[in-house]
PDB file of N, CA and C in Angstrom:
ATOM      1  N   MET A   1     -17.636 -29.011  27.614  1.00  0.00           N
ATOM      2  CA  MET A   1     -17.280 -27.614  27.549  1.00  0.00           C
ATOM      3  C   MET A   1     -18.453 -26.787  28.057  1.00  0.00           C
ATOM      4  N   THR A   2     -18.123 -25.831  28.889  1.00  0.00           N
ATOM      5  CA  THR A   2     -19.180 -24.998  29.449  1.00  0.00           C
ATOM      6  C   THR A   2     -19.438 -23.800  28.545  1.00  0.00           C
ATOM      7  N   THR A   3     -20.525 -23.126  28.816  1.00  0.00           N
ATOM      8  CA  THR A   3     -20.897 -21.949  28.030  1.00  0.00           C
ATOM      9  C   THR A   3     -19.852 -20.851  28.164  1.00  0.00           C
ATOM     10  N   SER A   4     -19.308 -20.676  29.355  1.00  0.00           N
ATOM     11  CA  SER A   4     -18.312 -19.617  29.556  1.00  0.00           C
ATOM     12  C   SER A   4     -17.029 -19.914  28.780  1.00  0.00           C
ATOM     13  N   SER A   5     -16.622 -21.172  28.687  1.00  0.00           N
ATOM     14  CA  SER A   5     -15.408 -21.489  27.927  1.00  0.00           C
ATOM     15  C   SER A   5     -15.635 -21.313  26.435  1.00  0.00           C
ATOM     16  N   ILE A   6     -16.855 -21.574  25.964  1.00  0.00           N
ATOM     17  CA  ILE A   6     -17.171 -21.352  24.551  1.00  0.00           C
ATOM     18  C   ILE A   6     -17.108 -19.857  24.239  1.00  0.00           C
ATOM     19  N   LYS A   7     -17.670 -19.028  25.122  1.00  0.00           N
ATOM     20  CA  LYS A   7     -17.625 -17.585  24.919  1.00  0.00           C
ATOM     21  C   LYS A   7     -16.187 -17.084  24.941  1.00  0.00           C
ATOM     22  N   PHE A   8     -15.386 -17.616  25.863  1.00  0.00           N
ATOM     23  CA  PHE A   8     -13.989 -17.211  25.959  1.00  0.00           C
ATOM     24  C   PHE A   8     -13.242 -17.572  24.677  1.00  0.00           C
ATOM     25  N   ASN A   9     -13.444 -18.788  24.182  1.00  0.00           N
ATOM     26  CA  ASN A   9     -12.761 -19.231  22.966  1.00  0.00           C
ATOM     27  C   ASN A   9     -13.180 -18.400  21.751  1.00  0.00           C
ATOM     28  N   SER A  10     -14.458 -18.098  21.618  1.00  0.00           N
ATOM     29  CA  SER A  10     -14.909 -17.313  20.469  1.00  0.00           C
ATOM     30  C   SER A  10     -14.382 -15.884  20.560  1.00  0.00           C
ATOM     31  N   CYS A  11     -14.264 -15.365  21.781  1.00  0.00           N
ATOM     32  CA  CYS A  11     -13.702 -14.033  21.973  1.00  0.00           C
ATOM     33  C   CYS A  11     -12.239 -14.017  21.533  1.00  0.00           C
ATOM     34  N   CYS A  12     -11.484 -15.028  21.898  1.00  0.00           N
ATOM     35  CA  CYS A  12     -10.071 -15.115  21.515  1.00  0.00           C
ATOM     36  C   CYS A  12      -9.927 -15.257  20.003  1.00  0.00           C
ATOM     37  N   ILE A  13     -10.795 -16.022  19.388  1.00  0.00           N
ATOM     38  CA  ILE A  13     -10.761 -16.201  17.938  1.00  0.00           C
ATOM     39  C   ILE A  13     -11.053 -14.874  17.249  1.00  0.00           C
ATOM     40  N   GLU A  14     -12.066 -14.146  17.728  1.00  0.00           N
ATOM     41  CA  GLU A  14     -12.389 -12.837  17.145  1.00  0.00           C
ATOM     42  C   GLU A  14     -11.214 -11.871  17.308  1.00  0.00           C
ATOM     43  N   LYS A  15     -10.558 -11.918  18.452  1.00  0.00           N
ATOM     44  CA  LYS A  15      -9.407 -11.045  18.698  1.00  0.00           C
ATOM     45  C   LYS A  15      -8.270 -11.400  17.743  1.00  0.00           C
ATOM     46  N   ASP A  16      -8.025 -12.698  17.536  1.00  0.00           N
ATOM     47  CA  ASP A  16      -6.981 -13.138  16.609  1.00  0.00           C
ATOM     48  C   ASP A  16      -7.282 -12.690  15.182  1.00  0.00           C
ATOM     49  N   ILE A  17      -8.539 -12.816  14.778  1.00  0.00           N
ATOM     50  CA  ILE A  17      -8.934 -12.401  13.433  1.00  0.00           C
ATOM     51  C   ILE A  17      -8.751 -10.890  13.279  1.00  0.00           C
ATOM     52  N   PHE A  18      -9.121 -10.141  14.297  1.00  0.00           N
ATOM     53  CA  PHE A  18      -8.951  -8.687  14.261  1.00  0.00           C
ATOM     54  C   PHE A  18      -7.472  -8.327  14.154  1.00  0.00           C
ATOM     55  N   GLN A  19      -6.625  -8.974  14.944  1.00  0.00           N
ATOM     56  CA  GLN A  19      -5.189  -8.693  14.909  1.00  0.00           C
ATOM     57  C   GLN A  19      -4.600  -9.050  13.542  1.00  0.00           C
ATOM     58  N   GLN A  20      -5.037 -10.170  12.965  1.00  0.00           N
ATOM     59  CA  GLN A  20      -4.562 -10.555  11.638  1.00  0.00           C
ATOM     60  C   GLN A  20      -5.004  -9.535  10.600  1.00  0.00           C
ATOM     61  N   SER A  21      -6.206  -9.013  10.741  1.00  0.00           N
ATOM     62  CA  SER A  21      -6.702  -8.004   9.808  1.00  0.00           C
ATOM     63  C   SER A  21      -5.858  -6.738   9.883  1.00  0.00           C
ATOM     64  N   ILE A  22      -5.515  -6.334  11.084  1.00  0.00           N
ATOM     65  CA  ILE A  22      -4.681  -5.142  11.265  1.00  0.00           C
ATOM     66  C   ILE A  22      -3.309  -5.362  10.632  1.00  0.00           C
ATOM     67  N   VAL A  23      -2.730  -6.517  10.852  1.00  0.00           N
ATOM     68  CA  VAL A  23      -1.415  -6.827  10.281  1.00  0.00           C
ATOM     69  C   VAL A  23      -1.505  -6.853   8.754  1.00  0.00           C
ATOM     70  N   ASN A  24      -2.536  -7.493   8.208  1.00  0.00           N
ATOM     71  CA  ASN A  24      -2.700  -7.552   6.762  1.00  0.00           C
ATOM     72  C   ASN A  24      -2.896  -6.165   6.166  1.00  0.00           C
ATOM     73  N   LEU A  25      -3.648  -5.321   6.829  1.00  0.00           N
ATOM     74  CA  LEU A  25      -3.846  -3.949   6.356  1.00  0.00           C
ATOM     75  C   LEU A  25      -2.519  -3.191   6.358  1.00  0.00           C
ATOM     76  N   PHE A  26      -1.767  -3.336   7.428  1.00  0.00           N
ATOM     77  CA  PHE A  26      -0.463  -2.678   7.522  1.00  0.00           C
ATOM     78  C   PHE A  26       0.462  -3.144   6.402  1.00  0.00           C
ATOM     79  N   LEU A  27       0.510  -4.450   6.165  1.00  0.00           N
ATOM     80  CA  LEU A  27       1.391  -4.981   5.122  1.00  0.00           C
ATOM     81  C   LEU A  27       0.965  -4.536   3.729  1.00  0.00           C
ATOM     82  N   SER A  28      -0.332  -4.516   3.471  1.00  0.00           N
ATOM     83  CA  SER A  28      -0.794  -4.098   2.141  1.00  0.00           C
ATOM     84  C   SER A  28      -0.514  -2.613   1.911  1.00  0.00           C
ATOM     85  N   LYS A  29      -0.712  -1.790   2.936  1.00  0.00           N
ATOM     86  CA  LYS A  29      -0.407  -0.358   2.810  1.00  0.00           C
ATOM     87  C   LYS A  29       1.095  -0.134   2.625  1.00  0.00           C
ATOM     88  N   THR A  30       1.908  -0.891   3.348  1.00  0.00           N
ATOM     89  CA  THR A  30       3.360  -0.769   3.215  1.00  0.00           C
ATOM     90  C   THR A  30       3.792  -1.137   1.801  1.00  0.00           C
ATOM     91  N   ARG A  31       3.219  -2.228   1.258  1.00  0.00           N
ATOM     92  CA  ARG A  31       3.522  -2.619  -0.119  1.00  0.00           C
ATOM     93  C   ARG A  31       3.125  -1.527  -1.108  1.00  0.00           C
ATOM     94  N   LEU A  32       1.952  -0.951  -0.925  1.00  0.00           N
ATOM     95  CA  LEU A  32       1.473   0.108  -1.805  1.00  0.00           C
ATOM     96  C   LEU A  32       2.377   1.333  -1.723  1.00  0.00           C
ATOM     97  N   PHE A  33       2.788   1.728  -0.522  1.00  0.00           N
ATOM     98  CA  PHE A  33       3.680   2.872  -0.342  1.00  0.00           C
ATOM     99  C   PHE A  33       5.020   2.625  -1.042  1.00  0.00           C
ATOM    100  N   TRP A  34       5.561   1.414  -0.870  1.00  0.00           N
ATOM    101  CA  TRP A  34       6.832   1.084  -1.500  1.00  0.00           C
ATOM    102  C   TRP A  34       6.697   1.089  -3.023  1.00  0.00           C
ATOM    103  N   GLN A  35       5.604   0.550  -3.527  1.00  0.00           N
ATOM    104  CA  GLN A  35       5.370   0.526  -4.972  1.00  0.00           C
ATOM    105  C   GLN A  35       5.260   1.955  -5.511  1.00  0.00           C
ATOM    106  N   ASN A  36       4.529   2.829  -4.815  1.00  0.00           N
ATOM    107  CA  ASN A  36       4.422   4.233  -5.224  1.00  0.00           C
ATOM    108  C   ASN A  36       5.808   4.885  -5.273  1.00  0.00           C
ATOM    109  N   HIS A  37       6.576   4.686  -4.236  1.00  0.00           N
ATOM    110  CA  HIS A  37       7.915   5.271  -4.159  1.00  0.00           C
ATOM    111  C   HIS A  37       8.784   4.775  -5.313  1.00  0.00           C
ATOM    112  N   HIS A  38       8.803   3.482  -5.523  1.00  0.00           N
ATOM    113  CA  HIS A  38       9.641   2.877  -6.555  1.00  0.00           C
ATOM    114  C   HIS A  38       9.215   3.338  -7.955  1.00  0.00           C
ATOM    115  N   THR A  39       7.910   3.328  -8.227  1.00  0.00           N
ATOM    116  CA  THR A  39       7.400   3.726  -9.535  1.00  0.00           C
ATOM    117  C   THR A  39       7.700   5.192  -9.818  1.00  0.00           C
ATOM    118  N   ARG A  40       7.490   6.036  -8.842  1.00  0.00           N
ATOM    119  CA  ARG A  40       7.744   7.462  -9.035  1.00  0.00           C
ATOM    120  C   ARG A  40       9.232   7.758  -9.197  1.00  0.00           C
ATOM    121  N   ARG A  41      10.055   7.030  -8.494  1.00  0.00           N
ATOM    122  CA  ARG A  41      11.504   7.206  -8.649  1.00  0.00           C
ATOM    123  C   ARG A  41      11.933   6.804 -10.064  1.00  0.00           C
ATOM    124  N   SER A  42      11.352   5.714 -10.572  1.00  0.00           N
ATOM    125  CA  SER A  42      11.645   5.285 -11.939  1.00  0.00           C
ATOM    126  C   SER A  42      11.143   6.305 -12.955  1.00  0.00           C
ATOM    127  N   LEU A  43       9.970   6.843 -12.727  1.00  0.00           N
ATOM    128  CA  LEU A  43       9.392   7.849 -13.618  1.00  0.00           C
ATOM    129  C   LEU A  43      10.286   9.090 -13.686  1.00  0.00           C
ATOM    130  N   LYS A  44      10.857   9.458 -12.566  1.00  0.00           N
ATOM    131  CA  LYS A  44      11.721  10.641 -12.498  1.00  0.00           C
ATOM    132  C   LYS A  44      12.968  10.473 -13.366  1.00  0.00           C
ATOM    133  N   LYS A  45      13.419   9.248 -13.558  1.00  0.00           N
ATOM    134  CA  LYS A  45      14.645   8.977 -14.312  1.00  0.00           C
ATOM    135  C   LYS A  45      14.434   8.971 -15.830  1.00  0.00           C
ATOM    136  N   LEU A  46      13.185   8.951 -16.293  1.00  0.00           N
ATOM    137  CA  LEU A  46      12.930   8.874 -17.733  1.00  0.00           C
ATOM    138  C   LEU A  46      13.227  10.203 -18.417  1.00  0.00           C
ATOM    139  N   ARG A  47      13.766  10.098 -19.617  1.00  0.00           N
ATOM    140  CA  ARG A  47      14.024  11.284 -20.443  1.00  0.00           C
ATOM    141  C   ARG A  47      12.719  11.735 -21.092  1.00  0.00           C
ATOM    142  N   PRO A  48      12.637  13.003 -21.535  1.00  0.00           N
ATOM    143  CA  PRO A  48      11.411  13.502 -22.177  1.00  0.00           C
ATOM    144  C   PRO A  48      10.943  12.647 -23.354  1.00  0.00           C
ATOM    145  N   GLU A  49      11.887  12.114 -24.143  1.00  0.00           N
ATOM    146  CA  GLU A  49      11.511  11.263 -25.279  1.00  0.00           C
ATOM    147  C   GLU A  49      10.829   9.974 -24.804  1.00  0.00           C
ATOM    148  N   GLN A  50      11.339   9.426 -23.716  1.00  0.00           N
ATOM    149  CA  GLN A  50      10.747   8.215 -23.161  1.00  0.00           C
ATOM    150  C   GLN A  50       9.362   8.500 -22.586  1.00  0.00           C
ATOM    151  N   LEU A  51       9.225   9.625 -21.933  1.00  0.00           N
ATOM    152  CA  LEU A  51       7.914  10.009 -21.400  1.00  0.00           C
ATOM    153  C   LEU A  51       6.914  10.173 -22.537  1.00  0.00           C
ATOM    154  N   GLU A  52       7.354  10.786 -23.628  1.00  0.00           N
ATOM    155  CA  GLU A  52       6.480  10.965 -24.785  1.00  0.00           C
ATOM    156  C   GLU A  52       6.044   9.608 -25.340  1.00  0.00           C
ATOM    157  N   ASP A  53       6.954   8.649 -25.354  1.00  0.00           N
ATOM    158  CA  ASP A  53       6.634   7.303 -25.846  1.00  0.00           C
ATOM    159  C   ASP A  53       5.510   6.651 -25.051  1.00  0.00           C
ATOM    160  N   ILE A  54       5.443   6.946 -23.757  1.00  0.00           N
ATOM    161  CA  ILE A  54       4.382   6.333 -22.938  1.00  0.00           C
ATOM    162  C   ILE A  54       3.193   7.266 -22.719  1.00  0.00           C
ATOM    163  N   GLY A  55       3.231   8.420 -23.422  1.00  0.00           N
ATOM    164  CA  GLY A  55       2.079   9.320 -23.406  1.00  0.00           C
ATOM    165  C   GLY A  55       1.965  10.198 -22.183  1.00  0.00           C
ATOM    166  N   ILE A  56       3.108  10.529 -21.584  1.00  0.00           N
ATOM    167  CA  ILE A  56       3.102  11.394 -20.399  1.00  0.00           C
ATOM    168  C   ILE A  56       3.957  12.624 -20.693  1.00  0.00           C
ATOM    169  N   THR A  57       3.435  13.779 -20.361  1.00  0.00           N
ATOM    170  CA  THR A  57       4.219  14.997 -20.546  1.00  0.00           C
ATOM    171  C   THR A  57       5.226  15.126 -19.402  1.00  0.00           C
ATOM    172  N   PRO A  58       6.330  15.818 -19.650  1.00  0.00           N
ATOM    173  CA  PRO A  58       7.296  16.027 -18.559  1.00  0.00           C
ATOM    174  C   PRO A  58       6.662  16.711 -17.347  1.00  0.00           C
ATOM    175  N   GLU A  59       5.745  17.630 -17.594  1.00  0.00           N
ATOM    176  CA  GLU A  59       5.068  18.325 -16.481  1.00  0.00           C
ATOM    177  C   GLU A  59       4.221  17.351 -15.663  1.00  0.00           C
ATOM    178  N   ALA A  60       3.475  16.477 -16.346  1.00  0.00           N
ATOM    179  CA  ALA A  60       2.652  15.482 -15.643  1.00  0.00           C
ATOM    180  C   ALA A  60       3.540  14.528 -14.845  1.00  0.00           C
ATOM    181  N   ALA A  61       4.669  14.154 -15.427  1.00  0.00           N
ATOM    182  CA  ALA A  61       5.606  13.266 -14.728  1.00  0.00           C
ATOM    183  C   ALA A  61       6.147  13.963 -13.480  1.00  0.00           C
ATOM    184  N   ARG A  62       6.498  15.235 -13.626  1.00  0.00           N
ATOM    185  CA  ARG A  62       7.036  15.982 -12.481  1.00  0.00           C
ATOM    186  C   ARG A  62       6.010  16.070 -11.362  1.00  0.00           C
ATOM    187  N   LEU A  63       4.766  16.357 -11.720  1.00  0.00           N
ATOM    188  CA  LEU A  63       3.711  16.420 -10.702  1.00  0.00           C
ATOM    189  C   LEU A  63       3.529  15.075 -10.000  1.00  0.00           C
ATOM    190  N   GLU A  64       3.655  13.996 -10.756  1.00  0.00           N
ATOM    191  CA  GLU A  64       3.487  12.659 -10.173  1.00  0.00           C
ATOM    192  C   GLU A  64       4.640  12.306  -9.244  1.00  0.00           C
ATOM    193  N   TYR A  65       5.874  12.528  -9.678  1.00  0.00           N
ATOM    194  CA  TYR A  65       6.984  12.115  -8.811  1.00  0.00           C
ATOM    195  C   TYR A  65       7.232  13.059  -7.648  1.00  0.00           C
ATOM    196  N   LYS A  66       6.614  14.202  -7.649  1.00  0.00           N
ATOM    197  CA  LYS A  66       6.714  15.120  -6.497  1.00  0.00           C
ATOM    198  C   LYS A  66       5.741  14.738  -5.372  1.00  0.00           C
ATOM    199  N   LYS A  67       4.776  13.884  -5.676  1.00  0.00           N
ATOM    200  CA  LYS A  67       3.796  13.469  -4.654  1.00  0.00           C
ATOM    201  C   LYS A  67       4.495  12.668  -3.556  1.00  0.00           C
ATOM    202  N   PRO A  68       4.034  12.791  -2.339  1.00  0.00           N
ATOM    203  CA  PRO A  68       4.577  11.950  -1.271  1.00  0.00           C
ATOM    204  C   PRO A  68       4.166  10.486  -1.490  1.00  0.00           C
ATOM    205  N   PHE A  69       4.927   9.570  -0.944  1.00  0.00           N
ATOM    206  CA  PHE A  69       4.687   8.151  -1.205  1.00  0.00           C
ATOM    207  C   PHE A  69       3.324   7.666  -0.735  1.00  0.00           C
ATOM    208  N   TRP A  70       2.711   8.335   0.223  1.00  0.00           N
ATOM    209  CA  TRP A  70       1.420   7.875   0.749  1.00  0.00           C
ATOM    210  C   TRP A  70       0.233   8.351  -0.085  1.00  0.00           C
ATOM    211  N   LYS A  71       0.462   9.152  -1.110  1.00  0.00           N
ATOM    212  CA  LYS A  71      -0.636   9.625  -1.946  1.00  0.00           C
ATOM    213  C   LYS A  71      -0.659   8.892  -3.257  1.00  0.00           C
TER     214      LYS A  71
END
Protein backbone atom coordinates (compact mmCIF):
# COMPACT_ATOMS: atom_id res chain seq x y z
CA MET A 1 0.00 0.00 0.00
CA THR A 2 1.32 3.38 -0.94
CA THR A 3 1.25 6.52 1.17
CA SER A 4 -1.36 8.13 -1.08
CA SER A 5 -3.74 5.16 -0.73
CA ILE A 6 -3.35 5.25 3.06
CA LYS A 7 -4.21 8.97 3.08
CA PHE A 8 -7.18 8.33 0.80
CA ASN A 9 -8.49 5.52 3.03
CA SER A 10 -8.12 7.56 6.23
CA CYS A 11 -9.88 10.48 4.56
CA CYS A 12 -12.81 8.23 3.60
CA ILE A 13 -12.97 6.80 7.12
CA GLU A 14 -13.03 10.31 8.62
CA LYS A 15 -15.78 11.30 6.18
CA ASP A 16 -17.82 8.20 7.12
CA ILE A 17 -17.41 8.95 10.82
CA PHE A 18 -18.48 12.55 10.25
CA GLN A 19 -21.55 11.45 8.27
CA GLN A 20 -22.48 8.94 10.98
CA SER A 21 -22.14 11.67 13.60
CA ILE A 22 -24.47 13.94 11.65
CA VAL A 23 -27.03 11.15 11.28
CA ASN A 24 -26.79 10.26 14.98
CA LEU A 25 -27.23 13.91 15.96
CA PHE A 26 -30.27 14.21 13.70
CA LEU A 27 -31.83 11.04 15.14
CA SER A 28 -31.21 12.04 18.75
CA LYS A 29 -32.69 15.51 18.18
CA THR A 30 -35.70 13.99 16.40
CA ARG A 31 -36.25 11.62 19.34
CA LEU A 32 -36.00 14.52 21.80
CA PHE A 33 -38.46 16.64 19.77
CA TRP A 34 -40.93 13.75 19.60
CA GLN A 35 -40.58 13.09 23.33
CA ASN A 36 -41.19 16.79 24.10
CA HIS A 37 -44.27 16.82 21.88
CA HIS A 38 -45.68 13.61 23.36
CA THR A 39 -45.00 14.60 26.99
CA ARG A 40 -46.50 18.05 26.59
CA ARG A 41 -49.56 16.67 24.84
CA SER A 42 -50.05 14.25 27.74
CA LEU A 43 -49.57 17.06 30.26
CA LYS A 44 -52.25 19.11 28.51
CA LYS A 45 -54.79 16.30 29.04
CA LEU A 46 -54.36 16.14 32.84
CA ARG A 47 -57.08 17.55 35.08
CA PRO A 48 -56.17 20.15 37.76
CA GLU A 49 -56.45 17.48 40.49
CA GLN A 50 -53.98 15.27 38.65
CA LEU A 51 -51.59 18.16 38.14
CA GLU A 52 -51.79 18.91 41.86
CA ASP A 53 -50.93 15.27 42.60
CA ILE A 54 -47.67 15.61 40.68
CA GLY A 55 -46.90 19.05 42.11
CA ILE A 56 -47.57 21.18 39.05
CA THR A 57 -49.91 24.14 38.96
CA PRO A 58 -52.32 24.46 36.03
CA GLU A 59 -50.54 27.69 35.04
CA ALA A 60 -47.12 25.97 35.00
CA ALA A 61 -48.60 23.12 32.95
CA ARG A 62 -50.11 25.59 30.48
CA LEU A 63 -46.79 27.38 30.07
CA GLU A 64 -45.05 24.05 29.47
CA TYR A 65 -47.46 22.66 26.89
CA LYS A 66 -47.57 25.95 25.00
CA LYS A 67 -43.82 25.69 24.27
CA PRO A 68 -42.85 24.62 20.76
CA PHE A 69 -41.54 21.07 20.47
CA TRP A 70 -37.96 22.21 19.84
CA LYS A 71 -37.67 24.02 23.18
